[in-house]
């Protein structure tokens, strides 16, 4: 099971595109509201998460996904979320993070010595915490982490998550199905 965390202020496309593409790949995914199940995005789009953080059973966790946007501040301020992220990392399970979310991974000490990318305003956070920043990349996979720059990289990010979980042929099949081409 993939758990995609949602907090008020999540960046719409950074959550919705991975949800869509992972589900197209038949990867079980549950959206998880960090504070409540009803969550509002940074652009006023309100969704009902599949579960609250309290309801999640981690025995079947296959990957954790963190969309970016102002909602990352809620992840950062939640002891339950930061503990969950650290535990998932200790278990060696993949973590996908896009936009500002890689900055949180760096702050938790998880990206030290790893290749990563993030939203430009968060680059100093990655550097100061020992990450090997790849400024010219949109998405970087350095297992067990997949990081992405911003909303414009949402499709590439989601396809990288599929590739890590189910292999490149499955990701390529999804890419063809949605007629996605990099320009």
C-alpha atoms as a PDB file:
ATOM      1  CA  UNK A   1       0.000   0.000   0.000  1.00  0.00           C
ATOM      2  CA  UNK A   2       1.204   3.477  -0.897  1.00  0.00           C
ATOM      3  CA  UNK A   3       0.257   6.156   1.598  1.00  0.00           C
ATOM      4  CA  UNK A   4       0.081   9.690   0.223  1.00  0.00           C
ATOM      5  CA  UNK A   5      -0.089  12.278   2.988  1.00  0.00           C
ATOM      6  CA  UNK A   6      -2.338  15.311   2.651  1.00  0.00           C
ATOM      7  CA  UNK A   7      -2.341  18.404   4.838  1.00  0.00           C
ATOM      8  CA  UNK A   8      -4.103  21.712   4.338  1.00  0.00           C
ATOM      9  CA  UNK A   9      -2.139  23.664   1.754  1.00  0.00           C
ATOM     10  CA  UNK A  10      -0.949  20.666  -0.284  1.00  0.00           C
ATOM     11  CA  UNK A  11      -0.024  21.546  -3.872  1.00  0.00           C
ATOM     12  CA  UNK A  12      -2.918  20.234  -5.978  1.00  0.00           C
ATOM     13  CA  UNK A  13      -1.081  18.774  -8.965  1.00  0.00           C
ATOM     14  CA  UNK A  14       1.685  17.282  -6.810  1.00  0.00           C
ATOM     15  CA  UNK A  15      -0.899  15.112  -5.058  1.00  0.00           C
ATOM     16  CA  UNK A  16      -3.508  14.435  -7.729  1.00  0.00           C
ATOM     17  CA  UNK A  17      -1.148  13.401 -10.537  1.00  0.00           C
ATOM     18  CA  UNK A  18       0.658  10.752  -8.425  1.00  0.00           C
ATOM     19  CA  UNK A  19      -2.686   9.478  -7.138  1.00  0.00           C
ATOM     20  CA  UNK A  20      -3.977   9.089 -10.691  1.00  0.00           C
ATOM     21  CA  UNK A  21      -0.845   7.527 -12.170  1.00  0.00           C
ATOM     22  CA  UNK A  22      -0.206   5.100  -9.296  1.00  0.00           C
ATOM     23  CA  UNK A  23      -3.815   3.947  -9.457  1.00  0.00           C
ATOM     24  CA  UNK A  24      -3.577   3.533 -13.253  1.00  0.00           C
ATOM     25  CA  UNK A  25      -0.647   1.203 -12.523  1.00  0.00           C
ATOM     26  CA  UNK A  26      -2.942  -0.786 -10.174  1.00  0.00           C
ATOM     27  CA  UNK A  27      -0.800   0.131  -7.184  1.00  0.00           C
ATOM     28  CA  UNK A  28      -2.939   0.233  -4.035  1.00  0.00           C
ATOM     29  CA  UNK A  29      -2.918   3.803  -2.701  1.00  0.00           C
ATOM     30  CA  UNK A  30      -4.566   5.418   0.283  1.00  0.00           C
ATOM     31  CA  UNK A  31      -4.704   9.169   0.769  1.00  0.00           C
ATOM     32  CA  UNK A  32      -4.103  10.094   4.389  1.00  0.00           C
ATOM     33  CA  UNK A  33      -5.295  13.314   6.011  1.00  0.00           C
ATOM     34  CA  UNK A  34      -2.681  14.429   8.500  1.00  0.00           C
ATOM     35  CA  UNK A  35      -4.972  16.420  10.784  1.00  0.00           C
ATOM     36  CA  UNK A  36      -8.449  15.527   9.489  1.00  0.00           C
ATOM     37  CA  UNK A  37      -9.845  13.579   6.559  1.00  0.00           C
ATOM     38  CA  UNK A  38     -11.213  16.758   4.955  1.00  0.00           C
ATOM     39  CA  UNK A  39      -8.242  18.591   3.463  1.00  0.00           C
ATOM     40  CA  UNK A  40      -8.026  21.784   1.397  1.00  0.00           C
ATOM     41  CA  UNK A  41      -5.278  22.329  -1.167  1.00  0.00           C
ATOM     42  CA  UNK A  42      -3.211  25.468  -1.695  1.00  0.00           C
ATOM     43  CA  UNK A  43      -5.652  26.494  -4.451  1.00  0.00           C
ATOM     44  CA  UNK A  44      -8.866  25.875  -2.510  1.00  0.00           C
ATOM     45  CA  UNK A  45      -9.618  22.360  -3.789  1.00  0.00           C
ATOM     46  CA  UNK A  46     -11.160  20.387  -0.903  1.00  0.00           C
ATOM     47  CA  UNK A  47     -10.882  16.596  -0.824  1.00  0.00           C
ATOM     48  CA  UNK A  48     -11.901  13.838   1.520  1.00  0.00           C
ATOM     49  CA  UNK A  49      -8.879  11.678   2.298  1.00  0.00           C
ATOM     50  CA  UNK A  50      -9.367   7.917   2.387  1.00  0.00           C
ATOM     51  CA  UNK A  51      -8.144   7.744   5.991  1.00  0.00           C
ATOM     52  CA  UNK A  52      -6.827   9.882   8.806  1.00  0.00           C
ATOM     53  CA  UNK A  53      -3.300   9.435  10.089  1.00  0.00           C
ATOM     54  CA  UNK A  54      -4.709   7.727  13.199  1.00  0.00           C
ATOM     55  CA  UNK A  55      -6.445   5.095  11.041  1.00  0.00           C
ATOM     56  CA  UNK A  56      -3.401   4.021   9.035  1.00  0.00           C
ATOM     57  CA  UNK A  57      -2.064   0.522   9.599  1.00  0.00           C
ATOM     58  CA  UNK A  58       1.553   0.455   8.490  1.00  0.00           C
ATOM     59  CA  UNK A  59       2.009  -3.300   8.186  1.00  0.00           C
ATOM     60  CA  UNK A  60       1.249  -3.149   4.473  1.00  0.00           C
ATOM     61  CA  UNK A  61       3.194   0.053   3.740  1.00  0.00           C
ATOM     62  CA  UNK A  62       5.032  -0.144   0.421  1.00  0.00           C
ATOM     63  CA  UNK A  63       5.849   3.558  -0.065  1.00  0.00           C
ATOM     64  CA  UNK A  64       5.190   6.963   1.493  1.00  0.00           C
ATOM     65  CA  UNK A  65       4.528   9.975  -0.783  1.00  0.00           C
ATOM     66  CA  UNK A  66       4.765  13.600   0.338  1.00  0.00           C
ATOM     67  CA  UNK A  67       3.364  16.310  -1.937  1.00  0.00           C
ATOM     68  CA  UNK A  68       4.770  19.807  -1.538  1.00  0.00           C
ATOM     69  CA  UNK A  69       3.282  23.239  -1.158  1.00  0.00           C
ATOM     70  CA  UNK A  70       2.484  25.146   2.024  1.00  0.00           C
ATOM     71  CA  UNK A  71       1.099  21.907   3.506  1.00  0.00           C
ATOM     72  CA  UNK A  72       4.675  20.764   4.163  1.00  0.00           C
ATOM     73  CA  UNK A  73       4.656  23.124   7.178  1.00  0.00           C
ATOM     74  CA  UNK A  74       1.934  20.895   8.681  1.00  0.00           C
ATOM     75  CA  UNK A  75       4.089  17.810   8.069  1.00  0.00           C
ATOM     76  CA  UNK A  76       7.045  19.557   9.739  1.00  0.00           C
ATOM     77  CA  UNK A  77       5.024  20.573  12.813  1.00  0.00           C
ATOM     78  CA  UNK A  78       3.480  17.129  13.323  1.00  0.00           C
ATOM     79  CA  UNK A  79       5.465  14.809  15.577  1.00  0.00           C
ATOM     80  CA  UNK A  80       3.375  11.908  14.241  1.00  0.00           C
ATOM     81  CA  UNK A  81       4.337  12.724  10.635  1.00  0.00           C
ATOM     82  CA  UNK A  82       8.038  13.285  11.303  1.00  0.00           C
ATOM     83  CA  UNK A  83       8.182  10.057  13.333  1.00  0.00           C
ATOM     84  CA  UNK A  84       6.398   8.210  10.532  1.00  0.00           C
ATOM     85  CA  UNK A  85       8.862   9.522   7.939  1.00  0.00           C
ATOM     86  CA  UNK A  86      11.838   8.486  10.089  1.00  0.00           C
ATOM     87  CA  UNK A  87      10.333   5.028  10.688  1.00  0.00           C
ATOM     88  CA  UNK A  88       9.603   4.463   6.998  1.00  0.00           C
ATOM     89  CA  UNK A  89      13.213   5.381   6.239  1.00  0.00           C
ATOM     90  CA  UNK A  90      14.546   3.021   8.939  1.00  0.00           C
ATOM     91  CA  UNK A  91      12.447   0.234   7.430  1.00  0.00           C
ATOM     92  CA  UNK A  92      14.117   0.893   4.057  1.00  0.00           C
ATOM     93  CA  UNK A  93      10.807   1.597   2.359  1.00  0.00           C
ATOM     94  CA  UNK A  94      10.695   4.123  -0.502  1.00  0.00           C
ATOM     95  CA  UNK A  95       9.729   7.732   0.135  1.00  0.00           C
ATOM     96  CA  UNK A  96       8.680  10.082  -2.653  1.00  0.00           C
ATOM     97  CA  UNK A  97       8.855  13.823  -1.999  1.00  0.00           C
ATOM     98  CA  UNK A  98       8.223  16.738  -4.352  1.00  0.00           C
ATOM     99  CA  UNK A  99       8.683  20.524  -4.209  1.00  0.00           C
ATOM    100  CA  UNK A 100       9.236  21.629  -0.582  1.00  0.00           C
ATOM    101  CA  UNK A 101       8.879  18.104   0.856  1.00  0.00           C
ATOM    102  CA  UNK A 102      12.500  17.058   0.073  1.00  0.00           C
ATOM    103  CA  UNK A 103      13.543  19.928   2.359  1.00  0.00           C
ATOM    104  CA  UNK A 104      11.774  18.194   5.234  1.00  0.00           C
ATOM    105  CA  UNK A 105      13.559  14.920   4.420  1.00  0.00           C
ATOM    106  CA  UNK A 106      16.854  16.821   4.474  1.00  0.00           C
ATOM    107  CA  UNK A 107      16.014  18.454   7.816  1.00  0.00           C
ATOM    108  CA  UNK A 108      15.340  14.990   9.242  1.00  0.00           C
ATOM    109  CA  UNK A 109      18.835  13.920   8.132  1.00  0.00           C
ATOM    110  CA  UNK A 110      17.582  11.446   5.541  1.00  0.00           C
ATOM    111  CA  UNK A 111      19.156  12.928   2.395  1.00  0.00           C
ATOM    112  CA  UNK A 112      22.713  13.379   3.637  1.00  0.00           C
ATOM    113  CA  UNK A 113      25.058  12.067   0.941  1.00  0.00           C
ATOM    114  CA  UNK A 114      22.162  11.336  -1.408  1.00  0.00           C
ATOM    115  CA  UNK A 115      21.345  12.839  -4.795  1.00  0.00           C
ATOM    116  CA  UNK A 116      18.163  14.920  -4.615  1.00  0.00           C
ATOM    117  CA  UNK A 117      16.250  17.837  -6.075  1.00  0.00           C
ATOM    118  CA  UNK A 118      13.662  20.242  -4.654  1.00  0.00           C
ATOM    119  CA  UNK A 119      11.883  23.531  -5.245  1.00  0.00           C
ATOM    120  CA  UNK A 120      14.529  26.207  -5.845  1.00  0.00           C
ATOM    121  CA  UNK A 121      13.749  28.128  -2.639  1.00  0.00           C
ATOM    122  CA  UNK A 122      14.516  24.952  -0.636  1.00  0.00           C
ATOM    123  CA  UNK A 123      17.891  24.197  -2.253  1.00  0.00           C
ATOM    124  CA  UNK A 124      19.923  25.751   0.567  1.00  0.00           C
ATOM    125  CA  UNK A 125      18.175  23.452   3.058  1.00  0.00           C
ATOM    126  CA  UNK A 126      19.240  20.399   1.068  1.00  0.00           C
ATOM    127  CA  UNK A 127      22.821  21.636   0.681  1.00  0.00           C
ATOM    128  CA  UNK A 128      23.145  22.586   4.355  1.00  0.00           C
ATOM    129  CA  UNK A 129      22.006  19.090   5.363  1.00  0.00           C
ATOM    130  CA  UNK A 130      24.492  17.281   3.117  1.00  0.00           C
ATOM    131  CA  UNK A 131      22.375  16.334   0.116  1.00  0.00           C
ATOM    132  CA  UNK A 132      24.005  16.202  -3.318  1.00  0.00           C
ATOM    133  CA  UNK A 133      21.750  18.692  -5.077  1.00  0.00           C
ATOM    134  CA  UNK A 134      21.077  18.057  -8.777  1.00  0.00           C
ATOM    135  CA  UNK A 135      19.817  21.475  -9.880  1.00  0.00           C
ATOM    136  CA  UNK A 136      19.415  20.556 -13.577  1.00  0.00           C
ATOM    137  CA  UNK A 137      17.141  17.574 -12.936  1.00  0.00           C
ATOM    138  CA  UNK A 138      13.378  17.569 -12.544  1.00  0.00           C
ATOM    139  CA  UNK A 139      13.256  14.181 -10.771  1.00  0.00           C
ATOM    140  CA  UNK A 140      16.012  12.262  -9.012  1.00  0.00           C
ATOM    141  CA  UNK A 141      15.781   8.639  -7.919  1.00  0.00           C
ATOM    142  CA  UNK A 142      18.361   7.630  -5.322  1.00  0.00           C
ATOM    143  CA  UNK A 143      16.697   4.587  -3.729  1.00  0.00           C
ATOM    144  CA  UNK A 144      14.849   4.491  -1.493  1.00  0.00           C
ATOM    145  CA  UNK A 145      14.128   8.171  -2.222  1.00  0.00           C
ATOM    146  CA  UNK A 146      12.492   9.806  -5.233  1.00  0.00           C
ATOM    147  CA  UNK A 147      12.590  13.592  -5.148  1.00  0.00           C
ATOM    148  CA  UNK A 148      11.165  16.104  -7.608  1.00  0.00           C
ATOM    149  CA  UNK A 149      11.513  19.824  -8.206  1.00  0.00           C
ATOM    150  CA  UNK A 150       7.981  21.230  -8.463  1.00  0.00           C
ATOM    151  CA  UNK A 151       4.456  20.958  -9.840  1.00  0.00           C
ATOM    152  CA  UNK A 152       5.745  20.933 -13.416  1.00  0.00           C
ATOM    153  CA  UNK A 153       7.533  17.669 -12.658  1.00  0.00           C
ATOM    154  CA  UNK A 154       4.450  15.916 -11.211  1.00  0.00           C
ATOM    155  CA  UNK A 155       3.981  13.485 -14.108  1.00  0.00           C
ATOM    156  CA  UNK A 156       7.667  12.561 -14.261  1.00  0.00           C
ATOM    157  CA  UNK A 157       7.661  12.194 -10.471  1.00  0.00           C
ATOM    158  CA  UNK A 158       4.642   9.876 -10.536  1.00  0.00           C
ATOM    159  CA  UNK A 159       6.133   7.762 -13.331  1.00  0.00           C
ATOM    160  CA  UNK A 160       9.386   7.485 -11.346  1.00  0.00           C
ATOM    161  CA  UNK A 161       7.378   6.217  -8.354  1.00  0.00           C
ATOM    162  CA  UNK A 162       5.729   3.585 -10.553  1.00  0.00           C
ATOM    163  CA  UNK A 163       9.104   2.606 -12.000  1.00  0.00           C
ATOM    164  CA  UNK A 164      10.603   2.165  -8.531  1.00  0.00           C
ATOM    165  CA  UNK A 165       7.662   0.055  -7.312  1.00  0.00           C
ATOM    166  CA  UNK A 166       6.729  -1.967 -10.415  1.00  0.00           C
ATOM    167  CA  UNK A 167       9.570  -1.470 -12.897  1.00  0.00           C
ATOM    168  CA  UNK A 168      10.253   0.690 -15.921  1.00  0.00           C
ATOM    169  CA  UNK A 169       8.078  -1.380 -18.324  1.00  0.00           C
ATOM    170  CA  UNK A 170       4.978  -0.642 -16.223  1.00  0.00           C
ATOM    171  CA  UNK A 171       5.858   3.052 -16.010  1.00  0.00           C
ATOM    172  CA  UNK A 172       6.418   3.128 -19.767  1.00  0.00           C
ATOM    173  CA  UNK A 173       3.034   1.486 -20.373  1.00  0.00           C
ATOM    174  CA  UNK A 174       1.336   4.167 -18.275  1.00  0.00           C
ATOM    175  CA  UNK A 175       3.273   6.909 -20.096  1.00  0.00           C
ATOM    176  CA  UNK A 176       2.008   5.556 -23.423  1.00  0.00           C
ATOM    177  CA  UNK A 177      -1.547   5.140 -22.091  1.00  0.00           C
ATOM    178  CA  UNK A 178      -1.759   8.827 -21.142  1.00  0.00           C
ATOM    179  CA  UNK A 179       0.142   9.942 -24.276  1.00  0.00           C
ATOM    180  CA  UNK A 180       2.721  11.725 -22.136  1.00  0.00           C
ATOM    181  CA  UNK A 181       5.821  13.054 -23.854  1.00  0.00           C
ATOM    182  CA  UNK A 182       8.543  15.214 -22.411  1.00  0.00           C
ATOM    183  CA  UNK A 183       9.018  18.331 -24.509  1.00  0.00           C
END
